[in-house]
């Protein structure tokens, strides 16, 4: 990231929660926001500017519909499509697969077992 980004206290909490998600599992914006006591849009805002991706695994967060969603601020119809392609590749490497329409194939990979005490 060429531009220095100041991480807020809220973003630190979101990124700490993301680090709890095991490889090969995913969560939703709604589940993550519930664990944080915030909103899915606020979570999406924090993920959109994650300067530590993919080390802080924001790619492990998808829409509650099971749709893969965006990555690094780009949604499905981004001009390059590169970011969503990157997200799908990262998840594929972890064994999380999506159908040709971008929907999660195995819903048993959804995870929401956040340790909320560590997020305060």
C-alpha atoms as a PDB file:
ATOM      1  CA  UNK A   1       0.000   0.000   0.000  1.00  0.00           C
ATOM      2  CA  UNK A   2       1.685   3.192  -1.109  1.00  0.00           C
ATOM      3  CA  UNK A   3      -0.382   5.528   1.037  1.00  0.00           C
ATOM      4  CA  UNK A   4       0.139   5.260   4.811  1.00  0.00           C
ATOM      5  CA  UNK A   5      -3.112   4.282   6.533  1.00  0.00           C
ATOM      6  CA  UNK A   6      -3.811   5.028  10.185  1.00  0.00           C
ATOM      7  CA  UNK A   7      -5.634   2.096  11.752  1.00  0.00           C
ATOM      8  CA  UNK A   8      -8.471   3.051  14.102  1.00  0.00           C
ATOM      9  CA  UNK A   9      -9.338   1.301  17.354  1.00  0.00           C
ATOM     10  CA  UNK A  10     -12.414  -0.205  15.674  1.00  0.00           C
ATOM     11  CA  UNK A  11     -10.351  -1.509  12.759  1.00  0.00           C
ATOM     12  CA  UNK A  12      -7.910  -3.082  15.236  1.00  0.00           C
ATOM     13  CA  UNK A  13     -10.850  -4.959  16.792  1.00  0.00           C
ATOM     14  CA  UNK A  14     -12.067  -6.125  13.367  1.00  0.00           C
ATOM     15  CA  UNK A  15      -8.580  -7.285  12.384  1.00  0.00           C
ATOM     16  CA  UNK A  16      -8.172  -9.114  15.725  1.00  0.00           C
ATOM     17  CA  UNK A  17     -11.445 -10.934  15.061  1.00  0.00           C
ATOM     18  CA  UNK A  18     -10.325 -11.911  11.566  1.00  0.00           C
ATOM     19  CA  UNK A  19      -7.215 -13.508  13.009  1.00  0.00           C
ATOM     20  CA  UNK A  20      -9.433 -15.896  14.988  1.00  0.00           C
ATOM     21  CA  UNK A  21     -10.904 -17.438  11.826  1.00  0.00           C
ATOM     22  CA  UNK A  22      -9.134 -20.735  11.106  1.00  0.00           C
ATOM     23  CA  UNK A  23      -7.709 -21.404   7.663  1.00  0.00           C
ATOM     24  CA  UNK A  24     -10.250 -23.250   5.536  1.00  0.00           C
ATOM     25  CA  UNK A  25     -13.163 -21.577   7.312  1.00  0.00           C
ATOM     26  CA  UNK A  26     -15.017 -18.353   6.591  1.00  0.00           C
ATOM     27  CA  UNK A  27     -17.371 -15.997   8.338  1.00  0.00           C
ATOM     28  CA  UNK A  28     -19.909 -13.438   7.207  1.00  0.00           C
ATOM     29  CA  UNK A  29     -20.005  -9.682   7.616  1.00  0.00           C
ATOM     30  CA  UNK A  30     -23.123 -10.202   9.780  1.00  0.00           C
ATOM     31  CA  UNK A  31     -21.493 -12.793  12.084  1.00  0.00           C
ATOM     32  CA  UNK A  32     -18.384 -10.667  12.457  1.00  0.00           C
ATOM     33  CA  UNK A  33     -20.431  -7.549  13.210  1.00  0.00           C
ATOM     34  CA  UNK A  34     -22.473  -9.440  15.807  1.00  0.00           C
ATOM     35  CA  UNK A  35     -19.282 -10.531  17.589  1.00  0.00           C
ATOM     36  CA  UNK A  36     -18.081  -6.921  17.565  1.00  0.00           C
ATOM     37  CA  UNK A  37     -21.413  -5.363  18.511  1.00  0.00           C
ATOM     38  CA  UNK A  38     -21.428  -3.246  15.366  1.00  0.00           C
ATOM     39  CA  UNK A  39     -22.951  -3.402  11.882  1.00  0.00           C
ATOM     40  CA  UNK A  40     -22.079  -5.368   8.730  1.00  0.00           C
ATOM     41  CA  UNK A  41     -21.462  -2.076   6.888  1.00  0.00           C
ATOM     42  CA  UNK A  42     -18.965  -0.965   9.532  1.00  0.00           C
ATOM     43  CA  UNK A  43     -17.158  -4.296   9.210  1.00  0.00           C
ATOM     44  CA  UNK A  44     -17.112  -3.921   5.424  1.00  0.00           C
ATOM     45  CA  UNK A  45     -15.663  -0.436   5.801  1.00  0.00           C
ATOM     46  CA  UNK A  46     -12.827  -1.762   7.953  1.00  0.00           C
ATOM     47  CA  UNK A  47     -12.135  -4.659   5.586  1.00  0.00           C
ATOM     48  CA  UNK A  48     -12.155  -2.373   2.551  1.00  0.00           C
ATOM     49  CA  UNK A  49      -9.099  -0.511   3.870  1.00  0.00           C
ATOM     50  CA  UNK A  50      -7.241  -3.422   5.502  1.00  0.00           C
ATOM     51  CA  UNK A  51      -3.587  -2.513   4.900  1.00  0.00           C
ATOM     52  CA  UNK A  52      -2.424  -5.933   6.145  1.00  0.00           C
ATOM     53  CA  UNK A  53      -4.244  -8.191   3.636  1.00  0.00           C
ATOM     54  CA  UNK A  54      -3.840 -11.089   3.170  1.00  0.00           C
ATOM     55  CA  UNK A  55      -1.881 -11.534   6.443  1.00  0.00           C
ATOM     56  CA  UNK A  56      -4.938 -10.228   8.301  1.00  0.00           C
ATOM     57  CA  UNK A  57      -7.328 -12.530   6.424  1.00  0.00           C
ATOM     58  CA  UNK A  58     -10.192 -10.278   5.339  1.00  0.00           C
ATOM     59  CA  UNK A  59     -10.612 -12.678   2.413  1.00  0.00           C
ATOM     60  CA  UNK A  60     -12.254 -15.042   4.928  1.00  0.00           C
ATOM     61  CA  UNK A  61     -15.330 -12.819   5.227  1.00  0.00           C
ATOM     62  CA  UNK A  62     -18.241 -13.192   2.787  1.00  0.00           C
ATOM     63  CA  UNK A  63     -21.834 -11.988   2.445  1.00  0.00           C
ATOM     64  CA  UNK A  64     -24.477 -13.728   4.585  1.00  0.00           C
ATOM     65  CA  UNK A  65     -26.108 -14.983   1.371  1.00  0.00           C
ATOM     66  CA  UNK A  66     -23.010 -17.111   0.773  1.00  0.00           C
ATOM     67  CA  UNK A  67     -21.813 -14.825  -2.022  1.00  0.00           C
ATOM     68  CA  UNK A  68     -18.053 -14.296  -2.098  1.00  0.00           C
ATOM     69  CA  UNK A  69     -18.416 -10.506  -2.003  1.00  0.00           C
ATOM     70  CA  UNK A  70     -15.638  -8.029  -2.508  1.00  0.00           C
ATOM     71  CA  UNK A  71     -11.993  -7.810  -1.593  1.00  0.00           C
ATOM     72  CA  UNK A  72      -9.828  -4.762  -0.963  1.00  0.00           C
ATOM     73  CA  UNK A  73     -12.723  -2.439  -1.755  1.00  0.00           C
ATOM     74  CA  UNK A  74     -13.738  -4.042  -5.061  1.00  0.00           C
ATOM     75  CA  UNK A  75     -17.035  -5.832  -5.524  1.00  0.00           C
ATOM     76  CA  UNK A  76     -18.077  -8.156  -8.329  1.00  0.00           C
ATOM     77  CA  UNK A  77     -18.120  -5.585 -11.125  1.00  0.00           C
ATOM     78  CA  UNK A  78     -14.801  -3.874 -10.360  1.00  0.00           C
ATOM     79  CA  UNK A  79     -13.128  -2.574 -13.519  1.00  0.00           C
ATOM     80  CA  UNK A  80     -10.344  -5.148 -13.386  1.00  0.00           C
ATOM     81  CA  UNK A  81     -12.137  -7.860 -11.430  1.00  0.00           C
ATOM     82  CA  UNK A  82      -8.675  -8.649 -10.105  1.00  0.00           C
ATOM     83  CA  UNK A  83      -9.413  -8.260  -6.424  1.00  0.00           C
ATOM     84  CA  UNK A  84     -12.362 -10.657  -6.390  1.00  0.00           C
ATOM     85  CA  UNK A  85     -10.310 -13.103  -8.453  1.00  0.00           C
ATOM     86  CA  UNK A  86      -7.534 -12.792  -5.858  1.00  0.00           C
ATOM     87  CA  UNK A  87     -10.010 -13.430  -3.012  1.00  0.00           C
ATOM     88  CA  UNK A  88     -11.382 -16.534  -4.727  1.00  0.00           C
ATOM     89  CA  UNK A  89      -7.843 -17.806  -5.311  1.00  0.00           C
ATOM     90  CA  UNK A  90      -6.814 -17.256  -1.664  1.00  0.00           C
ATOM     91  CA  UNK A  91      -9.923 -19.103  -0.483  1.00  0.00           C
ATOM     92  CA  UNK A  92      -9.460 -21.908  -3.026  1.00  0.00           C
ATOM     93  CA  UNK A  93      -5.911 -22.418  -1.692  1.00  0.00           C
ATOM     94  CA  UNK A  94      -7.450 -22.841   1.777  1.00  0.00           C
ATOM     95  CA  UNK A  95     -10.007 -25.357   0.505  1.00  0.00           C
ATOM     96  CA  UNK A  96     -13.002 -22.992   0.453  1.00  0.00           C
ATOM     97  CA  UNK A  97     -14.792 -23.336  -2.889  1.00  0.00           C
ATOM     98  CA  UNK A  98     -17.450 -21.299  -4.656  1.00  0.00           C
ATOM     99  CA  UNK A  99     -19.701 -22.167  -7.577  1.00  0.00           C
ATOM    100  CA  UNK A 100     -19.526 -20.386 -10.925  1.00  0.00           C
ATOM    101  CA  UNK A 101     -21.941 -17.722  -9.635  1.00  0.00           C
ATOM    102  CA  UNK A 102     -19.679 -16.910  -6.683  1.00  0.00           C
ATOM    103  CA  UNK A 103     -21.650 -18.712  -3.958  1.00  0.00           C
ATOM    104  CA  UNK A 104     -20.134 -20.851  -1.218  1.00  0.00           C
ATOM    105  CA  UNK A 105     -20.464 -24.553  -2.020  1.00  0.00           C
ATOM    106  CA  UNK A 106     -19.984 -26.070   1.463  1.00  0.00           C
ATOM    107  CA  UNK A 107     -21.888 -24.080   4.092  1.00  0.00           C
ATOM    108  CA  UNK A 108     -20.340 -26.217   6.854  1.00  0.00           C
ATOM    109  CA  UNK A 109     -17.203 -24.089   6.361  1.00  0.00           C
ATOM    110  CA  UNK A 110     -19.007 -21.082   7.857  1.00  0.00           C
ATOM    111  CA  UNK A 111     -17.515 -20.153  11.230  1.00  0.00           C
ATOM    112  CA  UNK A 112     -18.705 -17.808  13.967  1.00  0.00           C
ATOM    113  CA  UNK A 113     -17.001 -19.065  17.120  1.00  0.00           C
ATOM    114  CA  UNK A 114     -15.393 -15.723  17.990  1.00  0.00           C
ATOM    115  CA  UNK A 115     -13.819 -15.224  21.407  1.00  0.00           C
ATOM    116  CA  UNK A 116     -15.579 -11.941  22.079  1.00  0.00           C
ATOM    117  CA  UNK A 117     -13.637 -11.362  25.318  1.00  0.00           C
ATOM    118  CA  UNK A 118     -10.521 -10.814  23.213  1.00  0.00           C
ATOM    119  CA  UNK A 119     -12.350  -8.201  21.092  1.00  0.00           C
ATOM    120  CA  UNK A 120     -13.143  -5.677  23.823  1.00  0.00           C
END
